[in-house]
Amino acid sequence: MATGLKIEDHIAVGKRLLLVGSAGAMSSQGNTAYGANVEIRLKDEDFPVEQNQSSFGLSLVKWKRDMGLMVNLQSQFSIGRGSSMVVHFGLNNKRSGQISIKTSRSDQLHIALVSLIPIAASIIQMGLSWL
């Protein structure tokens, strides 16, 4: 069984800037990991209409005798009517990290129609195998 505690606080600085800080600990089988995170979020002037925002974060994790430091950058912005993109970059003190790009669209009908194609193909394939 694992037990843990996390404390987090948000501080708004004006309408566009948000400071977020958190700290916590998690314990399991006699080992305890400690962590802390500081994040700065900058929202667009038209937020939440445009949903554009950027963030910068620093995280520190201590487990046994190992210490990890992570840096995260993220930007979310609109790329057209009903579409948005999130670009995320993360790097740790061991010089490994990730880059991710995610796009999303709020047009639900297109997504529903596209999802029917593999379902229909499976039904047709099952029907042909019975012949």
C-alpha atoms as a PDB file:
ATOM      1  CA  MET A   1       0.000   0.000   0.000  1.00  0.00           C
ATOM      2  CA  ALA A   2       1.220   3.502  -0.798  1.00  0.00           C
ATOM      3  CA  THR A   3       0.331   6.636   1.124  1.00  0.00           C
ATOM      4  CA  GLY A   4       0.998  10.220   0.199  1.00  0.00           C
ATOM      5  CA  LEU A   5       0.302  13.872   0.823  1.00  0.00           C
ATOM      6  CA  LYS A   6       0.297  16.808  -1.588  1.00  0.00           C
ATOM      7  CA  ILE A   7      -0.112  20.503  -0.831  1.00  0.00           C
ATOM      8  CA  GLU A   8      -0.758  22.960  -3.671  1.00  0.00           C
ATOM      9  CA  ASP A   9      -1.472  26.673  -3.886  1.00  0.00           C
ATOM     10  CA  HIS A  10      -2.354  29.033  -6.736  1.00  0.00           C
ATOM     11  CA  ILE A  11      -1.629  32.767  -6.647  1.00  0.00           C
ATOM     12  CA  ALA A  12      -3.124  35.028  -9.328  1.00  0.00           C
ATOM     13  CA  VAL A  13      -0.976  38.024 -10.250  1.00  0.00           C
ATOM     14  CA  GLY A  14      -3.300  40.224 -12.270  1.00  0.00           C
ATOM     15  CA  LYS A  15      -5.666  38.726 -14.839  1.00  0.00           C
ATOM     16  CA  ARG A  16      -3.108  36.915 -16.990  1.00  0.00           C
ATOM     17  CA  LEU A  17      -0.394  35.535 -14.693  1.00  0.00           C
ATOM     18  CA  LEU A  18      -0.796  32.578 -12.342  1.00  0.00           C
ATOM     19  CA  LEU A  19       1.854  31.176  -9.992  1.00  0.00           C
ATOM     20  CA  VAL A  20       1.390  27.571  -8.890  1.00  0.00           C
ATOM     21  CA  GLY A  21       3.436  25.794  -6.248  1.00  0.00           C
ATOM     22  CA  SER A  22       3.131  22.305  -4.844  1.00  0.00           C
ATOM     23  CA  ALA A  23       5.047  19.933  -2.594  1.00  0.00           C
ATOM     24  CA  GLY A  24       4.417  16.399  -1.505  1.00  0.00           C
ATOM     25  CA  ALA A  25       5.664  13.068  -0.282  1.00  0.00           C
ATOM     26  CA  MET A  26       4.744   9.489  -1.079  1.00  0.00           C
ATOM     27  CA  SER A  27       5.690   6.435   0.964  1.00  0.00           C
ATOM     28  CA  SER A  28       5.586   2.726   0.142  1.00  0.00           C
ATOM     29  CA  GLN A  29       7.394  -0.318   1.576  1.00  0.00           C
ATOM     30  CA  GLY A  30       9.651   1.787   3.798  1.00  0.00           C
ATOM     31  CA  ASN A  31      10.802   4.144   1.023  1.00  0.00           C
ATOM     32  CA  THR A  32       9.687   7.761   0.773  1.00  0.00           C
ATOM     33  CA  ALA A  33       9.878  10.023  -2.271  1.00  0.00           C
ATOM     34  CA  TYR A  34       9.669  13.808  -1.939  1.00  0.00           C
ATOM     35  CA  GLY A  35       8.755  16.278  -4.655  1.00  0.00           C
ATOM     36  CA  ALA A  36       8.214  19.975  -5.268  1.00  0.00           C
ATOM     37  CA  ASN A  37       6.980  21.895  -8.298  1.00  0.00           C
ATOM     38  CA  VAL A  38       6.839  25.577  -9.241  1.00  0.00           C
ATOM     39  CA  GLU A  39       4.937  26.689 -12.335  1.00  0.00           C
ATOM     40  CA  ILE A  40       4.260  30.032 -13.996  1.00  0.00           C
ATOM     41  CA  ARG A  41       1.257  30.249 -16.352  1.00  0.00           C
ATOM     42  CA  LEU A  42       0.654  33.172 -18.688  1.00  0.00           C
ATOM     43  CA  LYS A  43      -2.813  33.382 -20.212  1.00  0.00           C
ATOM     44  CA  ASP A  44      -3.835  35.258 -23.351  1.00  0.00           C
ATOM     45  CA  GLU A  45      -5.760  38.518 -22.995  1.00  0.00           C
ATOM     46  CA  ASP A  46      -8.862  36.811 -24.449  1.00  0.00           C
ATOM     47  CA  PHE A  47      -8.610  33.716 -22.200  1.00  0.00           C
ATOM     48  CA  PRO A  48     -10.901  31.658 -21.837  1.00  0.00           C
ATOM     49  CA  VAL A  49     -12.379  32.577 -25.257  1.00  0.00           C
ATOM     50  CA  GLU A  50      -9.161  31.859 -27.182  1.00  0.00           C
ATOM     51  CA  GLN A  51      -7.751  29.242 -24.738  1.00  0.00           C
ATOM     52  CA  ASN A  52      -4.195  30.432 -25.498  1.00  0.00           C
ATOM     53  CA  GLN A  53      -1.747  30.027 -22.626  1.00  0.00           C
ATOM     54  CA  SER A  54       1.892  29.206 -21.949  1.00  0.00           C
ATOM     55  CA  SER A  55       3.572  27.727 -18.901  1.00  0.00           C
ATOM     56  CA  PHE A  56       7.058  27.199 -17.512  1.00  0.00           C
ATOM     57  CA  GLY A  57       7.675  24.740 -14.696  1.00  0.00           C
ATOM     58  CA  LEU A  58      10.487  23.395 -12.546  1.00  0.00           C
ATOM     59  CA  SER A  59      10.163  20.129 -10.636  1.00  0.00           C
ATOM     60  CA  LEU A  60      12.445  18.532  -8.075  1.00  0.00           C
ATOM     61  CA  VAL A  61      12.109  14.904  -6.953  1.00  0.00           C
ATOM     62  CA  LYS A  62      14.180  13.133  -4.274  1.00  0.00           C
ATOM     63  CA  TRP A  63      13.980   9.377  -3.877  1.00  0.00           C
ATOM     64  CA  LYS A  64      16.502   7.388  -1.833  1.00  0.00           C
ATOM     65  CA  ARG A  65      19.863   8.973  -2.731  1.00  0.00           C
ATOM     66  CA  ASP A  66      18.820  10.137  -6.198  1.00  0.00           C
ATOM     67  CA  MET A  67      17.727  13.676  -7.028  1.00  0.00           C
ATOM     68  CA  GLY A  68      15.894  14.613 -10.226  1.00  0.00           C
ATOM     69  CA  LEU A  69      15.360  18.086 -11.676  1.00  0.00           C
ATOM     70  CA  MET A  70      12.916  18.603 -14.545  1.00  0.00           C
ATOM     71  CA  VAL A  71      12.171  21.658 -16.695  1.00  0.00           C
ATOM     72  CA  ASN A  72       8.877  21.856 -18.606  1.00  0.00           C
ATOM     73  CA  LEU A  73       7.686  24.339 -21.223  1.00  0.00           C
ATOM     74  CA  GLN A  74       4.188  24.175 -22.672  1.00  0.00           C
ATOM     75  CA  SER A  75       2.206  26.361 -25.040  1.00  0.00           C
ATOM     76  CA  GLN A  76      -1.446  25.988 -26.030  1.00  0.00           C
ATOM     77  CA  PHE A  77      -2.870  28.040 -28.901  1.00  0.00           C
ATOM     78  CA  SER A  78      -5.667  28.114 -31.492  1.00  0.00           C
ATOM     79  CA  ILE A  79      -4.860  27.071 -35.057  1.00  0.00           C
ATOM     80  CA  GLY A  80      -8.214  27.815 -36.614  1.00  0.00           C
ATOM     81  CA  ARG A  81     -11.905  27.728 -35.903  1.00  0.00           C
ATOM     82  CA  GLY A  82     -12.552  24.916 -33.440  1.00  0.00           C
ATOM     83  CA  SER A  83      -8.966  23.603 -33.502  1.00  0.00           C
ATOM     84  CA  SER A  84      -6.112  23.954 -31.042  1.00  0.00           C
ATOM     85  CA  MET A  85      -2.553  22.743 -30.609  1.00  0.00           C
ATOM     86  CA  VAL A  86      -0.462  22.020 -27.516  1.00  0.00           C
ATOM     87  CA  VAL A  87       3.332  21.890 -27.774  1.00  0.00           C
ATOM     88  CA  HIS A  88       5.188  20.467 -24.749  1.00  0.00           C
ATOM     89  CA  PHE A  89       8.938  20.232 -24.096  1.00  0.00           C
ATOM     90  CA  GLY A  90      10.447  18.556 -21.042  1.00  0.00           C
ATOM     91  CA  LEU A  91      14.060  17.926 -20.049  1.00  0.00           C
ATOM     92  CA  ASN A  92      15.608  16.440 -16.901  1.00  0.00           C
ATOM     93  CA  ASN A  93      19.052  16.659 -15.287  1.00  0.00           C
ATOM     94  CA  LYS A  94      20.071  13.360 -16.898  1.00  0.00           C
ATOM     95  CA  ARG A  95      19.662  15.042 -20.311  1.00  0.00           C
ATOM     96  CA  SER A  96      16.680  12.977 -21.371  1.00  0.00           C
ATOM     97  CA  GLY A  97      13.263  14.368 -22.092  1.00  0.00           C
ATOM     98  CA  GLN A  98      10.386  14.561 -24.473  1.00  0.00           C
ATOM     99  CA  ILE A  99       8.791  16.758 -27.078  1.00  0.00           C
ATOM    100  CA  SER A 100       5.098  16.298 -27.786  1.00  0.00           C
ATOM    101  CA  ILE A 101       2.689  18.008 -30.143  1.00  0.00           C
ATOM    102  CA  LYS A 102      -1.040  17.434 -29.726  1.00  0.00           C
ATOM    103  CA  THR A 103      -3.800  18.792 -31.918  1.00  0.00           C
ATOM    104  CA  SER A 104      -7.478  18.712 -31.086  1.00  0.00           C
ATOM    105  CA  ARG A 105     -10.653  19.700 -32.839  1.00  0.00           C
ATOM    106  CA  SER A 106     -14.009  20.446 -31.282  1.00  0.00           C
ATOM    107  CA  ASP A 107     -16.005  19.341 -34.337  1.00  0.00           C
ATOM    108  CA  GLN A 108     -17.511  16.158 -32.883  1.00  0.00           C
ATOM    109  CA  LEU A 109     -19.384  15.058 -36.042  1.00  0.00           C
ATOM    110  CA  HIS A 110     -16.206  14.551 -38.083  1.00  0.00           C
ATOM    111  CA  ILE A 111     -14.645  12.484 -35.306  1.00  0.00           C
ATOM    112  CA  ALA A 112     -17.764  10.329 -34.976  1.00  0.00           C
ATOM    113  CA  LEU A 113     -17.928   9.669 -38.717  1.00  0.00           C
ATOM    114  CA  VAL A 114     -14.237   8.770 -38.955  1.00  0.00           C
ATOM    115  CA  SER A 115     -14.560   6.380 -36.006  1.00  0.00           C
ATOM    116  CA  LEU A 116     -17.306   4.468 -37.847  1.00  0.00           C
ATOM    117  CA  ILE A 117     -14.910   3.397 -40.629  1.00  0.00           C
ATOM    118  CA  PRO A 118     -12.951   0.755 -38.638  1.00  0.00           C
ATOM    119  CA  ILE A 119     -16.159  -0.471 -37.000  1.00  0.00           C
ATOM    120  CA  ALA A 120     -17.842  -0.918 -40.393  1.00  0.00           C
ATOM    121  CA  ALA A 121     -14.726  -2.614 -41.801  1.00  0.00           C
ATOM    122  CA  SER A 122     -14.707  -5.095 -38.895  1.00  0.00           C
ATOM    123  CA  ILE A 123     -18.399  -5.886 -39.351  1.00  0.00           C
ATOM    124  CA  ILE A 124     -17.929  -6.432 -43.089  1.00  0.00           C
ATOM    125  CA  GLN A 125     -14.866  -8.620 -42.480  1.00  0.00           C
ATOM    126  CA  MET A 126     -16.755 -10.708 -39.908  1.00  0.00           C
ATOM    127  CA  GLY A 127     -19.664 -11.062 -42.332  1.00  0.00           C
ATOM    128  CA  LEU A 128     -17.369 -12.233 -45.132  1.00  0.00           C
ATOM    129  CA  SER A 129     -15.726 -14.829 -42.887  1.00  0.00           C
ATOM    130  CA  TRP A 130     -19.120 -16.428 -42.185  1.00  0.00           C
ATOM    131  CA  LEU A 131     -19.771 -17.020 -45.880  1.00  0.00           C
END
